[in-house]
Amino acid sequence: MSDNSFQIFFEELKLLVEKFEKKQLQLKMESDLDYDSVKIFGEKMDSVTRAKIGADDIAELAYTTAEHHPYWALLYNCTEIIKTILEKWNDDLTSEQLDEMKWNLKEIQNTISNIENKLKK
């Protein structure tokens, strides 16, 4: 494929989106052409659901990153907290979930301390 193949695809996609918008279909399209990325959201998409999708993408990175990576524990524990918060966005957190988040926070602090110690050496 040529370097501008994604740009051509994007232009065609914009036309398709415009066609459906004229038919009163509520769509939102976001793009980052520097990274060949396009997101299209329908009318049922809300900000919490979008955040959950983003958190799932971050979780995938955290779950597939080797534990020896210096930032793995930060990413993993932050992601666990974020996923819990988003899952319970419209409900109350349980005491068990709060305890898990406290444990995640301790792990985050331990990891930050380890990184700081490596910087001092």
PDB file of N, CA and C in Angstrom:
ATOM      1  N   MET A   1       0.834  -1.188   0.000  1.00  0.00           N
ATOM      2  CA  MET A   1       0.000   0.000   0.000  1.00  0.00           C
ATOM      3  C   MET A   1       0.875   1.246   0.000  1.00  0.00           C
ATOM      4  N   SER A   2       0.365   2.248  -0.604  1.00  0.00           N
ATOM      5  CA  SER A   2       1.130   3.497  -0.653  1.00  0.00           C
ATOM      6  C   SER A   2       0.973   4.253   0.657  1.00  0.00           C
ATOM      7  N   ASP A   3       1.834   5.243   0.836  1.00  0.00           N
ATOM      8  CA  ASP A   3       1.825   6.032   2.058  1.00  0.00           C
ATOM      9  C   ASP A   3       0.512   6.768   2.284  1.00  0.00           C
ATOM     10  N   ASN A   4      -0.212   7.077   1.221  1.00  0.00           N
ATOM     11  CA  ASN A   4      -1.441   7.841   1.385  1.00  0.00           C
ATOM     12  C   ASN A   4      -2.695   6.968   1.327  1.00  0.00           C
ATOM     13  N   SER A   5      -2.547   5.651   1.399  1.00  0.00           N
ATOM     14  CA  SER A   5      -3.698   4.753   1.333  1.00  0.00           C
ATOM     15  C   SER A   5      -4.685   5.022   2.455  1.00  0.00           C
ATOM     16  N   PHE A   6      -4.193   5.244   3.644  1.00  0.00           N
ATOM     17  CA  PHE A   6      -5.109   5.497   4.753  1.00  0.00           C
ATOM     18  C   PHE A   6      -5.817   6.827   4.561  1.00  0.00           C
ATOM     19  N   GLN A   7      -5.123   7.799   4.045  1.00  0.00           N
ATOM     20  CA  GLN A   7      -5.743   9.101   3.777  1.00  0.00           C
ATOM     21  C   GLN A   7      -6.883   8.945   2.778  1.00  0.00           C
ATOM     22  N   ILE A   8      -6.670   8.157   1.752  1.00  0.00           N
ATOM     23  CA  ILE A   8      -7.716   7.902   0.754  1.00  0.00           C
ATOM     24  C   ILE A   8      -8.900   7.196   1.414  1.00  0.00           C
ATOM     25  N   PHE A   9      -8.611   6.191   2.213  1.00  0.00           N
ATOM     26  CA  PHE A   9      -9.663   5.488   2.960  1.00  0.00           C
ATOM     27  C   PHE A   9     -10.437   6.464   3.838  1.00  0.00           C
ATOM     28  N   PHE A  10      -9.724   7.321   4.543  1.00  0.00           N
ATOM     29  CA  PHE A  10     -10.348   8.281   5.439  1.00  0.00           C
ATOM     30  C   PHE A  10     -11.279   9.223   4.679  1.00  0.00           C
ATOM     31  N   GLU A  11     -10.851   9.708   3.538  1.00  0.00           N
ATOM     32  CA  GLU A  11     -11.685  10.611   2.738  1.00  0.00           C
ATOM     33  C   GLU A  11     -12.970   9.909   2.291  1.00  0.00           C
ATOM     34  N   GLU A  12     -12.853   8.656   1.886  1.00  0.00           N
ATOM     35  CA  GLU A  12     -14.038   7.883   1.489  1.00  0.00           C
ATOM     36  C   GLU A  12     -14.950   7.647   2.696  1.00  0.00           C
ATOM     37  N   LEU A  13     -14.354   7.383   3.840  1.00  0.00           N
ATOM     38  CA  LEU A  13     -15.124   7.155   5.055  1.00  0.00           C
ATOM     39  C   LEU A  13     -15.887   8.415   5.459  1.00  0.00           C
ATOM     40  N   LYS A  14     -15.236   9.565   5.336  1.00  0.00           N
ATOM     41  CA  LYS A  14     -15.914  10.835   5.646  1.00  0.00           C
ATOM     42  C   LYS A  14     -17.163  11.009   4.790  1.00  0.00           C
ATOM     43  N   LEU A  15     -17.056  10.670   3.527  1.00  0.00           N
ATOM     44  CA  LEU A  15     -18.215  10.769   2.636  1.00  0.00           C
ATOM     45  C   LEU A  15     -19.344   9.844   3.079  1.00  0.00           C
ATOM     46  N   LEU A  16     -18.975   8.654   3.497  1.00  0.00           N
ATOM     47  CA  LEU A  16     -19.978   7.699   3.980  1.00  0.00           C
ATOM     48  C   LEU A  16     -20.653   8.205   5.256  1.00  0.00           C
ATOM     49  N   VAL A  17     -19.873   8.723   6.172  1.00  0.00           N
ATOM     50  CA  VAL A  17     -20.421   9.276   7.410  1.00  0.00           C
ATOM     51  C   VAL A  17     -21.360  10.437   7.092  1.00  0.00           C
ATOM     52  N   GLU A  18     -20.937  11.318   6.209  1.00  0.00           N
ATOM     53  CA  GLU A  18     -21.787  12.455   5.820  1.00  0.00           C
ATOM     54  C   GLU A  18     -23.098  11.983   5.204  1.00  0.00           C
ATOM     55  N   LYS A  19     -23.038  10.918   4.426  1.00  0.00           N
ATOM     56  CA  LYS A  19     -24.238  10.358   3.802  1.00  0.00           C
ATOM     57  C   LYS A  19     -25.237   9.923   4.875  1.00  0.00           C
ATOM     58  N   PHE A  20     -24.748   9.254   5.907  1.00  0.00           N
ATOM     59  CA  PHE A  20     -25.643   8.783   6.962  1.00  0.00           C
ATOM     60  C   PHE A  20     -26.086   9.911   7.893  1.00  0.00           C
ATOM     61  N   GLU A  21     -25.253  10.922   8.050  1.00  0.00           N
ATOM     62  CA  GLU A  21     -25.664  12.083   8.847  1.00  0.00           C
ATOM     63  C   GLU A  21     -26.828  12.812   8.164  1.00  0.00           C
ATOM     64  N   LYS A  22     -26.818  12.853   6.847  1.00  0.00           N
ATOM     65  CA  LYS A  22     -27.922  13.475   6.105  1.00  0.00           C
ATOM     66  C   LYS A  22     -29.228  12.713   6.302  1.00  0.00           C
ATOM     67  N   LYS A  23     -29.107  11.437   6.656  1.00  0.00           N
ATOM     68  CA  LYS A  23     -30.282  10.610   6.942  1.00  0.00           C
ATOM     69  C   LYS A  23     -30.663  10.680   8.423  1.00  0.00           C
ATOM     70  N   GLN A  24     -30.078  11.672   9.125  1.00  0.00           N
ATOM     71  CA  GLN A  24     -30.378  11.946  10.535  1.00  0.00           C
ATOM     72  C   GLN A  24     -29.824  10.896  11.498  1.00  0.00           C
ATOM     73  N   LEU A  25     -28.849  10.117  11.075  1.00  0.00           N
ATOM     74  CA  LEU A  25     -28.182   9.201  11.986  1.00  0.00           C
ATOM     75  C   LEU A  25     -27.136   9.990  12.763  1.00  0.00           C
ATOM     76  N   GLN A  26     -27.212   9.950  14.072  1.00  0.00           N
ATOM     77  CA  GLN A  26     -26.280  10.683  14.921  1.00  0.00           C
ATOM     78  C   GLN A  26     -24.955   9.934  14.994  1.00  0.00           C
ATOM     79  N   LEU A  27     -23.945  10.490  14.399  1.00  0.00           N
ATOM     80  CA  LEU A  27     -22.603   9.907  14.403  1.00  0.00           C
ATOM     81  C   LEU A  27     -21.595  10.949  14.842  1.00  0.00           C
ATOM     82  N   LYS A  28     -20.549  10.465  15.461  1.00  0.00           N
ATOM     83  CA  LYS A  28     -19.417  11.323  15.777  1.00  0.00           C
ATOM     84  C   LYS A  28     -18.172  10.582  15.301  1.00  0.00           C
ATOM     85  N   MET A  29     -17.361  11.284  14.546  1.00  0.00           N
ATOM     86  CA  MET A  29     -16.132  10.676  14.038  1.00  0.00           C
ATOM     87  C   MET A  29     -14.950  11.491  14.534  1.00  0.00           C
ATOM     88  N   GLU A  30     -13.970  10.798  15.067  1.00  0.00           N
ATOM     89  CA  GLU A  30     -12.718  11.416  15.498  1.00  0.00           C
ATOM     90  C   GLU A  30     -11.584  10.739  14.755  1.00  0.00           C
ATOM     91  N   SER A  31     -10.574  11.495  14.429  1.00  0.00           N
ATOM     92  CA  SER A  31      -9.451  10.898  13.715  1.00  0.00           C
ATOM     93  C   SER A  31      -8.136  11.466  14.202  1.00  0.00           C
ATOM     94  N   ASP A  32      -7.120  10.665  14.050  1.00  0.00           N
ATOM     95  CA  ASP A  32      -5.747  11.084  14.268  1.00  0.00           C
ATOM     96  C   ASP A  32      -4.949  10.497  13.110  1.00  0.00           C
ATOM     97  N   LEU A  33      -4.847  11.276  12.068  1.00  0.00           N
ATOM     98  CA  LEU A  33      -4.248  10.761  10.847  1.00  0.00           C
ATOM     99  C   LEU A  33      -2.742  10.567  10.957  1.00  0.00           C
ATOM    100  N   ASP A  34      -2.117  11.168  11.968  1.00  0.00           N
ATOM    101  CA  ASP A  34      -0.695  10.902  12.198  1.00  0.00           C
ATOM    102  C   ASP A  34      -0.467   9.436  12.561  1.00  0.00           C
ATOM    103  N   TYR A  35      -1.493   8.803  13.137  1.00  0.00           N
ATOM    104  CA  TYR A  35      -1.393   7.405  13.567  1.00  0.00           C
ATOM    105  C   TYR A  35      -2.381   6.508  12.831  1.00  0.00           C
ATOM    106  N   ASP A  36      -2.919   6.975  11.716  1.00  0.00           N
ATOM    107  CA  ASP A  36      -3.873   6.201  10.926  1.00  0.00           C
ATOM    108  C   ASP A  36      -4.994   5.648  11.805  1.00  0.00           C
ATOM    109  N   SER A  37      -5.620   6.536  12.545  1.00  0.00           N
ATOM    110  CA  SER A  37      -6.651   6.124  13.489  1.00  0.00           C
ATOM    111  C   SER A  37      -7.944   6.890  13.239  1.00  0.00           C
ATOM    112  N   VAL A  38      -9.047   6.149  13.254  1.00  0.00           N
ATOM    113  CA  VAL A  38     -10.378   6.741  13.126  1.00  0.00           C
ATOM    114  C   VAL A  38     -11.298   6.028  14.100  1.00  0.00           C
ATOM    115  N   LYS A  39     -12.095   6.813  14.809  1.00  0.00           N
ATOM    116  CA  LYS A  39     -13.117   6.275  15.706  1.00  0.00           C
ATOM    117  C   LYS A  39     -14.458   6.842  15.270  1.00  0.00           C
ATOM    118  N   ILE A  40     -15.454   5.972  15.240  1.00  0.00           N
ATOM    119  CA  ILE A  40     -16.804   6.403  14.900  1.00  0.00           C
ATOM    120  C   ILE A  40     -17.724   5.949  16.030  1.00  0.00           C
ATOM    121  N   PHE A  41     -18.501   6.889  16.534  1.00  0.00           N
ATOM    122  CA  PHE A  41     -19.413   6.599  17.633  1.00  0.00           C
ATOM    123  C   PHE A  41     -20.842   6.862  17.188  1.00  0.00           C
ATOM    124  N   GLY A  42     -21.734   5.963  17.568  1.00  0.00           N
ATOM    125  CA  GLY A  42     -23.155   6.133  17.301  1.00  0.00           C
ATOM    126  C   GLY A  42     -23.838   6.861  18.438  1.00  0.00           C
ATOM    127  N   GLU A  43     -25.132   7.026  18.303  1.00  0.00           N
ATOM    128  CA  GLU A  43     -25.885   7.840  19.252  1.00  0.00           C
ATOM    129  C   GLU A  43     -26.005   7.219  20.634  1.00  0.00           C
ATOM    130  N   LYS A  44     -25.774   5.923  20.769  1.00  0.00           N
ATOM    131  CA  LYS A  44     -25.861   5.277  22.088  1.00  0.00           C
ATOM    132  C   LYS A  44     -24.586   5.447  22.915  1.00  0.00           C
ATOM    133  N   MET A  45     -23.549   5.973  22.301  1.00  0.00           N
ATOM    134  CA  MET A  45     -22.265   6.102  22.989  1.00  0.00           C
ATOM    135  C   MET A  45     -22.286   7.294  23.927  1.00  0.00           C
ATOM    136  N   ASP A  46     -21.908   7.059  25.183  1.00  0.00           N
ATOM    137  CA  ASP A  46     -21.787   8.151  26.144  1.00  0.00           C
ATOM    138  C   ASP A  46     -20.347   8.201  26.655  1.00  0.00           C
ATOM    139  N   SER A  47     -20.045   9.210  27.444  1.00  0.00           N
ATOM    140  CA  SER A  47     -18.660   9.417  27.864  1.00  0.00           C
ATOM    141  C   SER A  47     -18.156   8.314  28.791  1.00  0.00           C
ATOM    142  N   VAL A  48     -19.019   7.756  29.616  1.00  0.00           N
ATOM    143  CA  VAL A  48     -18.579   6.676  30.506  1.00  0.00           C
ATOM    144  C   VAL A  48     -18.231   5.433  29.686  1.00  0.00           C
ATOM    145  N   THR A  49     -19.066   5.112  28.721  1.00  0.00           N
ATOM    146  CA  THR A  49     -18.785   3.953  27.872  1.00  0.00           C
ATOM    147  C   THR A  49     -17.510   4.166  27.068  1.00  0.00           C
ATOM    148  N   ARG A  50     -17.315   5.375  26.563  1.00  0.00           N
ATOM    149  CA  ARG A  50     -16.069   5.676  25.846  1.00  0.00           C
ATOM    150  C   ARG A  50     -14.866   5.488  26.761  1.00  0.00           C
ATOM    151  N   ALA A  51     -14.989   5.944  27.996  1.00  0.00           N
ATOM    152  CA  ALA A  51     -13.895   5.791  28.947  1.00  0.00           C
ATOM    153  C   ALA A  51     -13.634   4.309  29.240  1.00  0.00           C
ATOM    154  N   LYS A  52     -14.700   3.510  29.339  1.00  0.00           N
ATOM    155  CA  LYS A  52     -14.534   2.068  29.561  1.00  0.00           C
ATOM    156  C   LYS A  52     -13.781   1.418  28.407  1.00  0.00           C
ATOM    157  N   ILE A  53     -14.108   1.812  27.194  1.00  0.00           N
ATOM    158  CA  ILE A  53     -13.412   1.268  26.026  1.00  0.00           C
ATOM    159  C   ILE A  53     -11.931   1.647  26.068  1.00  0.00           C
ATOM    160  N   GLY A  54     -11.646   2.897  26.403  1.00  0.00           N
ATOM    161  CA  GLY A  54     -10.258   3.335  26.539  1.00  0.00           C
ATOM    162  C   GLY A  54      -9.537   2.585  27.646  1.00  0.00           C
ATOM    163  N   ALA A  55     -10.232   2.370  28.755  1.00  0.00           N
ATOM    164  CA  ALA A  55      -9.635   1.624  29.872  1.00  0.00           C
ATOM    165  C   ALA A  55      -9.346   0.186  29.465  1.00  0.00           C
ATOM    166  N   ASP A  56     -10.224  -0.397  28.658  1.00  0.00           N
ATOM    167  CA  ASP A  56      -9.974  -1.760  28.172  1.00  0.00           C
ATOM    168  C   ASP A  56      -8.723  -1.803  27.301  1.00  0.00           C
ATOM    169  N   ASP A  57      -8.516  -0.768  26.491  1.00  0.00           N
ATOM    170  CA  ASP A  57      -7.302  -0.701  25.668  1.00  0.00           C
ATOM    171  C   ASP A  57      -6.059  -0.596  26.556  1.00  0.00           C
ATOM    172  N   ILE A  58      -6.146   0.220  27.596  1.00  0.00           N
ATOM    173  CA  ILE A  58      -5.017   0.362  28.523  1.00  0.00           C
ATOM    174  C   ILE A  58      -4.783  -0.945  29.268  1.00  0.00           C
ATOM    175  N   ALA A  59      -5.871  -1.584  29.684  1.00  0.00           N
ATOM    176  CA  ALA A  59      -5.752  -2.862  30.397  1.00  0.00           C
ATOM    177  C   ALA A  59      -5.063  -3.904  29.524  1.00  0.00           C
ATOM    178  N   GLU A  60      -5.386  -3.930  28.252  1.00  0.00           N
ATOM    179  CA  GLU A  60      -4.748  -4.876  27.334  1.00  0.00           C
ATOM    180  C   GLU A  60      -3.233  -4.677  27.320  1.00  0.00           C
ATOM    181  N   LEU A  61      -2.802  -3.427  27.292  1.00  0.00           N
ATOM    182  CA  LEU A  61      -1.368  -3.147  27.351  1.00  0.00           C
ATOM    183  C   LEU A  61      -0.793  -3.604  28.693  1.00  0.00           C
ATOM    184  N   ALA A  62      -1.490  -3.290  29.771  1.00  0.00           N
ATOM    185  CA  ALA A  62      -1.004  -3.679  31.100  1.00  0.00           C
ATOM    186  C   ALA A  62      -0.921  -5.195  31.249  1.00  0.00           C
ATOM    187  N   TYR A  63      -1.908  -5.907  30.736  1.00  0.00           N
ATOM    188  CA  TYR A  63      -1.940  -7.369  30.879  1.00  0.00           C
ATOM    189  C   TYR A  63      -0.924  -8.067  29.990  1.00  0.00           C
ATOM    190  N   THR A  64      -0.511  -7.420  28.912  1.00  0.00           N
ATOM    191  CA  THR A  64       0.420  -8.068  27.992  1.00  0.00           C
ATOM    192  C   THR A  64       1.853  -7.570  28.140  1.00  0.00           C
ATOM    193  N   THR A  65       2.068  -6.583  29.009  1.00  0.00           N
ATOM    194  CA  THR A  65       3.416  -6.066  29.231  1.00  0.00           C
ATOM    195  C   THR A  65       4.122  -6.957  30.243  1.00  0.00           C
ATOM    196  N   ALA A  66       5.359  -7.258  29.967  1.00  0.00           N
ATOM    197  CA  ALA A  66       6.122  -8.109  30.872  1.00  0.00           C
ATOM    198  C   ALA A  66       6.261  -7.441  32.239  1.00  0.00           C
ATOM    199  N   GLU A  67       6.145  -8.248  33.280  1.00  0.00           N
ATOM    200  CA  GLU A  67       6.216  -7.718  34.645  1.00  0.00           C
ATOM    201  C   GLU A  67       7.565  -7.089  34.973  1.00  0.00           C
ATOM    202  N   HIS A  68       8.580  -7.400  34.206  1.00  0.00           N
ATOM    203  CA  HIS A  68       9.890  -6.800  34.487  1.00  0.00           C
ATOM    204  C   HIS A  68      10.000  -5.376  33.942  1.00  0.00           C
ATOM    205  N   HIS A  69       9.020  -4.926  33.160  1.00  0.00           N
ATOM    206  CA  HIS A  69       9.050  -3.541  32.671  1.00  0.00           C
ATOM    207  C   HIS A  69       8.901  -2.617  33.873  1.00  0.00           C
ATOM    208  N   PRO A  70       9.716  -1.568  33.966  1.00  0.00           N
ATOM    209  CA  PRO A  70       9.708  -0.726  35.170  1.00  0.00           C
ATOM    210  C   PRO A  70       8.381  -0.031  35.455  1.00  0.00           C
ATOM    211  N   TYR A  71       7.541   0.152  34.451  1.00  0.00           N
ATOM    212  CA  TYR A  71       6.275   0.864  34.666  1.00  0.00           C
ATOM    213  C   TYR A  71       5.069  -0.066  34.682  1.00  0.00           C
ATOM    214  N   TRP A  72       5.299  -1.356  34.536  1.00  0.00           N
ATOM    215  CA  TRP A  72       4.199  -2.302  34.461  1.00  0.00           C
ATOM    216  C   TRP A  72       3.273  -2.193  35.668  1.00  0.00           C
ATOM    217  N   ALA A  73       3.823  -2.202  36.851  1.00  0.00           N
ATOM    218  CA  ALA A  73       2.986  -2.188  38.063  1.00  0.00           C
ATOM    219  C   ALA A  73       2.189  -0.888  38.176  1.00  0.00           C
ATOM    220  N   LEU A  74       2.778   0.224  37.761  1.00  0.00           N
ATOM    221  CA  LEU A  74       2.036   1.485  37.764  1.00  0.00           C
ATOM    222  C   LEU A  74       0.832   1.394  36.832  1.00  0.00           C
ATOM    223  N   LEU A  75       1.091   0.968  35.620  1.00  0.00           N
ATOM    224  CA  LEU A  75       0.024   0.873  34.632  1.00  0.00           C
ATOM    225  C   LEU A  75      -1.051  -0.113  35.076  1.00  0.00           C
ATOM    226  N   TYR A  76      -0.622  -1.267  35.537  1.00  0.00           N
ATOM    227  CA  TYR A  76      -1.569  -2.311  35.941  1.00  0.00           C
ATOM    228  C   TYR A  76      -2.459  -1.845  37.090  1.00  0.00           C
ATOM    229  N   ASN A  77      -1.865  -1.310  38.133  1.00  0.00           N
ATOM    230  CA  ASN A  77      -2.646  -0.927  39.314  1.00  0.00           C
ATOM    231  C   ASN A  77      -3.527   0.298  39.057  1.00  0.00           C
ATOM    232  N   CYS A  78      -3.037   1.237  38.292  1.00  0.00           N
ATOM    233  CA  CYS A  78      -3.889   2.381  37.913  1.00  0.00           C
ATOM    234  C   CYS A  78      -5.070   1.909  37.082  1.00  0.00           C
ATOM    235  N   THR A  79      -4.819   1.001  36.171  1.00  0.00           N
ATOM    236  CA  THR A  79      -5.876   0.471  35.320  1.00  0.00           C
ATOM    237  C   THR A  79      -6.936  -0.249  36.140  1.00  0.00           C
ATOM    238  N   GLU A  80      -6.506  -1.024  37.114  1.00  0.00           N
ATOM    239  CA  GLU A  80      -7.474  -1.739  37.955  1.00  0.00           C
ATOM    240  C   GLU A  80      -8.381  -0.756  38.701  1.00  0.00           C
ATOM    241  N   ILE A  81      -7.803   0.319  39.195  1.00  0.00           N
ATOM    242  CA  ILE A  81      -8.602   1.337  39.891  1.00  0.00           C
ATOM    243  C   ILE A  81      -9.577   1.995  38.922  1.00  0.00           C
ATOM    244  N   ILE A  82      -9.087   2.379  37.764  1.00  0.00           N
ATOM    245  CA  ILE A  82      -9.932   3.043  36.770  1.00  0.00           C
ATOM    246  C   ILE A  82     -11.085   2.142  36.345  1.00  0.00           C
ATOM    247  N   LYS A  83     -10.792   0.869  36.078  1.00  0.00           N
ATOM    248  CA  LYS A  83     -11.843  -0.055  35.652  1.00  0.00           C
ATOM    249  C   LYS A  83     -12.922  -0.206  36.719  1.00  0.00           C
ATOM    250  N   THR A  84     -12.513  -0.277  37.975  1.00  0.00           N
ATOM    251  CA  THR A  84     -13.482  -0.399  39.062  1.00  0.00           C
ATOM    252  C   THR A  84     -14.349   0.853  39.152  1.00  0.00           C
ATOM    253  N   ILE A  85     -13.725   2.002  39.079  1.00  0.00           N
ATOM    254  CA  ILE A  85     -14.475   3.270  39.163  1.00  0.00           C
ATOM    255  C   ILE A  85     -15.483   3.377  38.020  1.00  0.00           C
ATOM    256  N   LEU A  86     -15.053   3.080  36.820  1.00  0.00           N
ATOM    257  CA  LEU A  86     -15.956   3.196  35.671  1.00  0.00           C
ATOM    258  C   LEU A  86     -17.081   2.169  35.730  1.00  0.00           C
ATOM    259  N   GLU A  87     -16.769   0.990  36.209  1.00  0.00           N
ATOM    260  CA  GLU A  87     -17.796  -0.047  36.318  1.00  0.00           C
ATOM    261  C   GLU A  87     -18.877   0.353  37.320  1.00  0.00           C
ATOM    262  N   LYS A  88     -18.494   1.057  38.347  1.00  0.00           N
ATOM    263  CA  LYS A  88     -19.432   1.452  39.404  1.00  0.00           C
ATOM    264  C   LYS A  88     -19.835   2.923  39.299  1.00  0.00           C
ATOM    265  N   TRP A  89     -19.638   3.549  38.152  1.00  0.00           N
ATOM    266  CA  TRP A  89     -19.860   4.978  37.968  1.00  0.00           C
ATOM    267  C   TRP A  89     -21.218   5.437  38.493  1.00  0.00           C
ATOM    268  N   ASN A  90     -22.235   4.665  38.244  1.00  0.00           N
ATOM    269  CA  ASN A  90     -23.585   5.041  38.649  1.00  0.00           C
ATOM    270  C   ASN A  90     -24.067   4.280  39.882  1.00  0.00           C
ATOM    271  N   ASP A  91     -23.178   3.577  40.543  1.00  0.00           N
ATOM    272  CA  ASP A  91     -23.508   2.792  41.735  1.00  0.00           C
ATOM    273  C   ASP A  91     -22.518   3.112  42.844  1.00  0.00           C
ATOM    274  N   ASP A  92     -22.763   2.524  43.992  1.00  0.00           N
ATOM    275  CA  ASP A  92     -21.854   2.694  45.120  1.00  0.00           C
ATOM    276  C   ASP A  92     -20.743   1.656  45.058  1.00  0.00           C
ATOM    277  N   LEU A  93     -19.559   2.075  45.435  1.00  0.00           N
ATOM    278  CA  LEU A  93     -18.451   1.135  45.578  1.00  0.00           C
ATOM    279  C   LEU A  93     -18.670   0.311  46.837  1.00  0.00           C
ATOM    280  N   THR A  94     -18.280  -0.957  46.796  1.00  0.00           N
ATOM    281  CA  THR A  94     -18.384  -1.813  47.977  1.00  0.00           C
ATOM    282  C   THR A  94     -17.140  -1.638  48.836  1.00  0.00           C
ATOM    283  N   SER A  95     -17.226  -2.061  50.060  1.00  0.00           N
ATOM    284  CA  SER A  95     -16.054  -1.975  50.941  1.00  0.00           C
ATOM    285  C   SER A  95     -14.930  -2.863  50.407  1.00  0.00           C
ATOM    286  N   GLU A  96     -15.281  -3.986  49.792  1.00  0.00           N
ATOM    287  CA  GLU A  96     -14.266  -4.866  49.200  1.00  0.00           C
ATOM    288  C   GLU A  96     -13.548  -4.158  48.050  1.00  0.00           C
ATOM    289  N   GLN A  97     -14.299  -3.453  47.215  1.00  0.00           N
ATOM    290  CA  GLN A  97     -13.689  -2.718  46.110  1.00  0.00           C
ATOM    291  C   GLN A  97     -12.798  -1.594  46.620  1.00  0.00           C
ATOM    292  N   LEU A  98     -13.235  -0.913  47.668  1.00  0.00           N
ATOM    293  CA  LEU A  98     -12.396   0.131  48.258  1.00  0.00           C
ATOM    294  C   LEU A  98     -11.110  -0.461  48.823  1.00  0.00           C
ATOM    295  N   ASP A  99     -11.211  -1.622  49.454  1.00  0.00           N
ATOM    296  CA  ASP A  99     -10.013  -2.299  49.974  1.00  0.00           C
ATOM    297  C   ASP A  99      -9.061  -2.672  48.842  1.00  0.00           C
ATOM    298  N   GLU A 100      -9.621  -3.165  47.732  1.00  0.00           N
ATOM    299  CA  GLU A 100      -8.775  -3.498  46.576  1.00  0.00           C
ATOM    300  C   GLU A 100      -8.081  -2.259  46.037  1.00  0.00           C
ATOM    301  N   MET A 101      -8.796  -1.136  45.991  1.00  0.00           N
ATOM    302  CA  MET A 101      -8.186   0.100  45.499  1.00  0.00           C
ATOM    303  C   MET A 101      -7.105   0.592  46.456  1.00  0.00           C
ATOM    304  N   LYS A 102      -7.309   0.434  47.750  1.00  0.00           N
ATOM    305  CA  LYS A 102      -6.265   0.801  48.721  1.00  0.00           C
ATOM    306  C   LYS A 102      -5.025  -0.041  48.484  1.00  0.00           C
ATOM    307  N   TRP A 103      -5.231  -1.332  48.217  1.00  0.00           N
ATOM    308  CA  TRP A 103      -4.096  -2.210  47.948  1.00  0.00           C
ATOM    309  C   TRP A 103      -3.397  -1.763  46.667  1.00  0.00           C
ATOM    310  N   ASN A 104      -4.181  -1.440  45.617  1.00  0.00           N
ATOM    311  CA  ASN A 104      -3.595  -0.937  44.368  1.00  0.00           C
ATOM    312  C   ASN A 104      -2.786   0.327  44.618  1.00  0.00           C
ATOM    313  N   LEU A 105      -3.306   1.212  45.435  1.00  0.00           N
ATOM    314  CA  LEU A 105      -2.596   2.463  45.742  1.00  0.00           C
ATOM    315  C   LEU A 105      -1.271   2.186  46.461  1.00  0.00           C
ATOM    316  N   LYS A 106      -1.264   1.219  47.356  1.00  0.00           N
ATOM    317  CA  LYS A 106      -0.009   0.849  48.029  1.00  0.00           C
ATOM    318  C   LYS A 106       1.000   0.304  47.021  1.00  0.00           C
ATOM    319  N   GLU A 107       0.517  -0.491  46.088  1.00  0.00           N
ATOM    320  CA  GLU A 107       1.400  -1.022  45.047  1.00  0.00           C
ATOM    321  C   GLU A 107       1.937   0.095  44.155  1.00  0.00           C
ATOM    322  N   ILE A 108       1.100   1.065  43.866  1.00  0.00           N
ATOM    323  CA  ILE A 108       1.544   2.219  43.081  1.00  0.00           C
ATOM    324  C   ILE A 108       2.636   2.969  43.832  1.00  0.00           C
ATOM    325  N   GLN A 109       2.413   3.209  45.110  1.00  0.00           N
ATOM    326  CA  GLN A 109       3.414   3.922  45.908  1.00  0.00           C
ATOM    327  C   GLN A 109       4.718   3.139  45.998  1.00  0.00           C
ATOM    328  N   ASN A 110       4.630   1.819  46.179  1.00  0.00           N
ATOM    329  CA  ASN A 110       5.839   0.989  46.223  1.00  0.00           C
ATOM    330  C   ASN A 110       6.605   1.068  44.903  1.00  0.00           C
ATOM    331  N   THR A 111       5.898   1.031  43.815  1.00  0.00           N
ATOM    332  CA  THR A 111       6.543   1.097  42.507  1.00  0.00           C
ATOM    333  C   THR A 111       7.203   2.447  42.296  1.00  0.00           C
ATOM    334  N   ILE A 112       6.520   3.510  42.682  1.00  0.00           N
ATOM    335  CA  ILE A 112       7.108   4.851  42.561  1.00  0.00           C
ATOM    336  C   ILE A 112       8.374   4.942  43.401  1.00  0.00           C
ATOM    337  N   SER A 113       8.343   4.411  44.608  1.00  0.00           N
ATOM    338  CA  SER A 113       9.533   4.408  45.465  1.00  0.00           C
ATOM    339  C   SER A 113      10.678   3.643  44.811  1.00  0.00           C
ATOM    340  N   ASN A 114      10.377   2.495  44.204  1.00  0.00           N
ATOM    341  CA  ASN A 114      11.407   1.715  43.527  1.00  0.00           C
ATOM    342  C   ASN A 114      12.007   2.491  42.357  1.00  0.00           C
ATOM    343  N   ILE A 115      11.161   3.175  41.601  1.00  0.00           N
ATOM    344  CA  ILE A 115      11.657   3.962  40.475  1.00  0.00           C
ATOM    345  C   ILE A 115      12.521   5.111  40.968  1.00  0.00           C
ATOM    346  N   GLU A 116      12.076   5.777  42.038  1.00  0.00           N
ATOM    347  CA  GLU A 116      12.870   6.872  42.621  1.00  0.00           C
ATOM    348  C   GLU A 116      14.224   6.366  43.107  1.00  0.00           C
ATOM    349  N   ASN A 117      14.246   5.195  43.726  1.00  0.00           N
ATOM    350  CA  ASN A 117      15.507   4.623  44.219  1.00  0.00           C
ATOM    351  C   ASN A 117      16.466   4.331  43.069  1.00  0.00           C
ATOM    352  N   LYS A 118      15.942   3.861  41.952  1.00  0.00           N
ATOM    353  CA  LYS A 118      16.792   3.591  40.789  1.00  0.00           C
ATOM    354  C   LYS A 118      17.347   4.881  40.215  1.00  0.00           C
ATOM    355  N   LEU A 119      16.565   5.954  40.272  1.00  0.00           N
ATOM    356  CA  LEU A 119      17.039   7.252  39.773  1.00  0.00           C
ATOM    357  C   LEU A 119      18.175   7.806  40.636  1.00  0.00           C
ATOM    358  N   LYS A 120      18.139   7.529  41.913  1.00  0.00           N
ATOM    359  CA  LYS A 120      19.165   8.034  42.833  1.00  0.00           C
ATOM    360  C   LYS A 120      20.493   7.337  42.663  1.00  0.00           C
ATOM    361  N   LYS A 121      20.494   6.162  42.075  1.00  0.00           N
ATOM    362  CA  LYS A 121      21.738   5.387  41.927  1.00  0.00           C
ATOM    363  C   LYS A 121      22.578   5.921  40.810  1.00  0.00           C
TER     364      LYS A 121
END
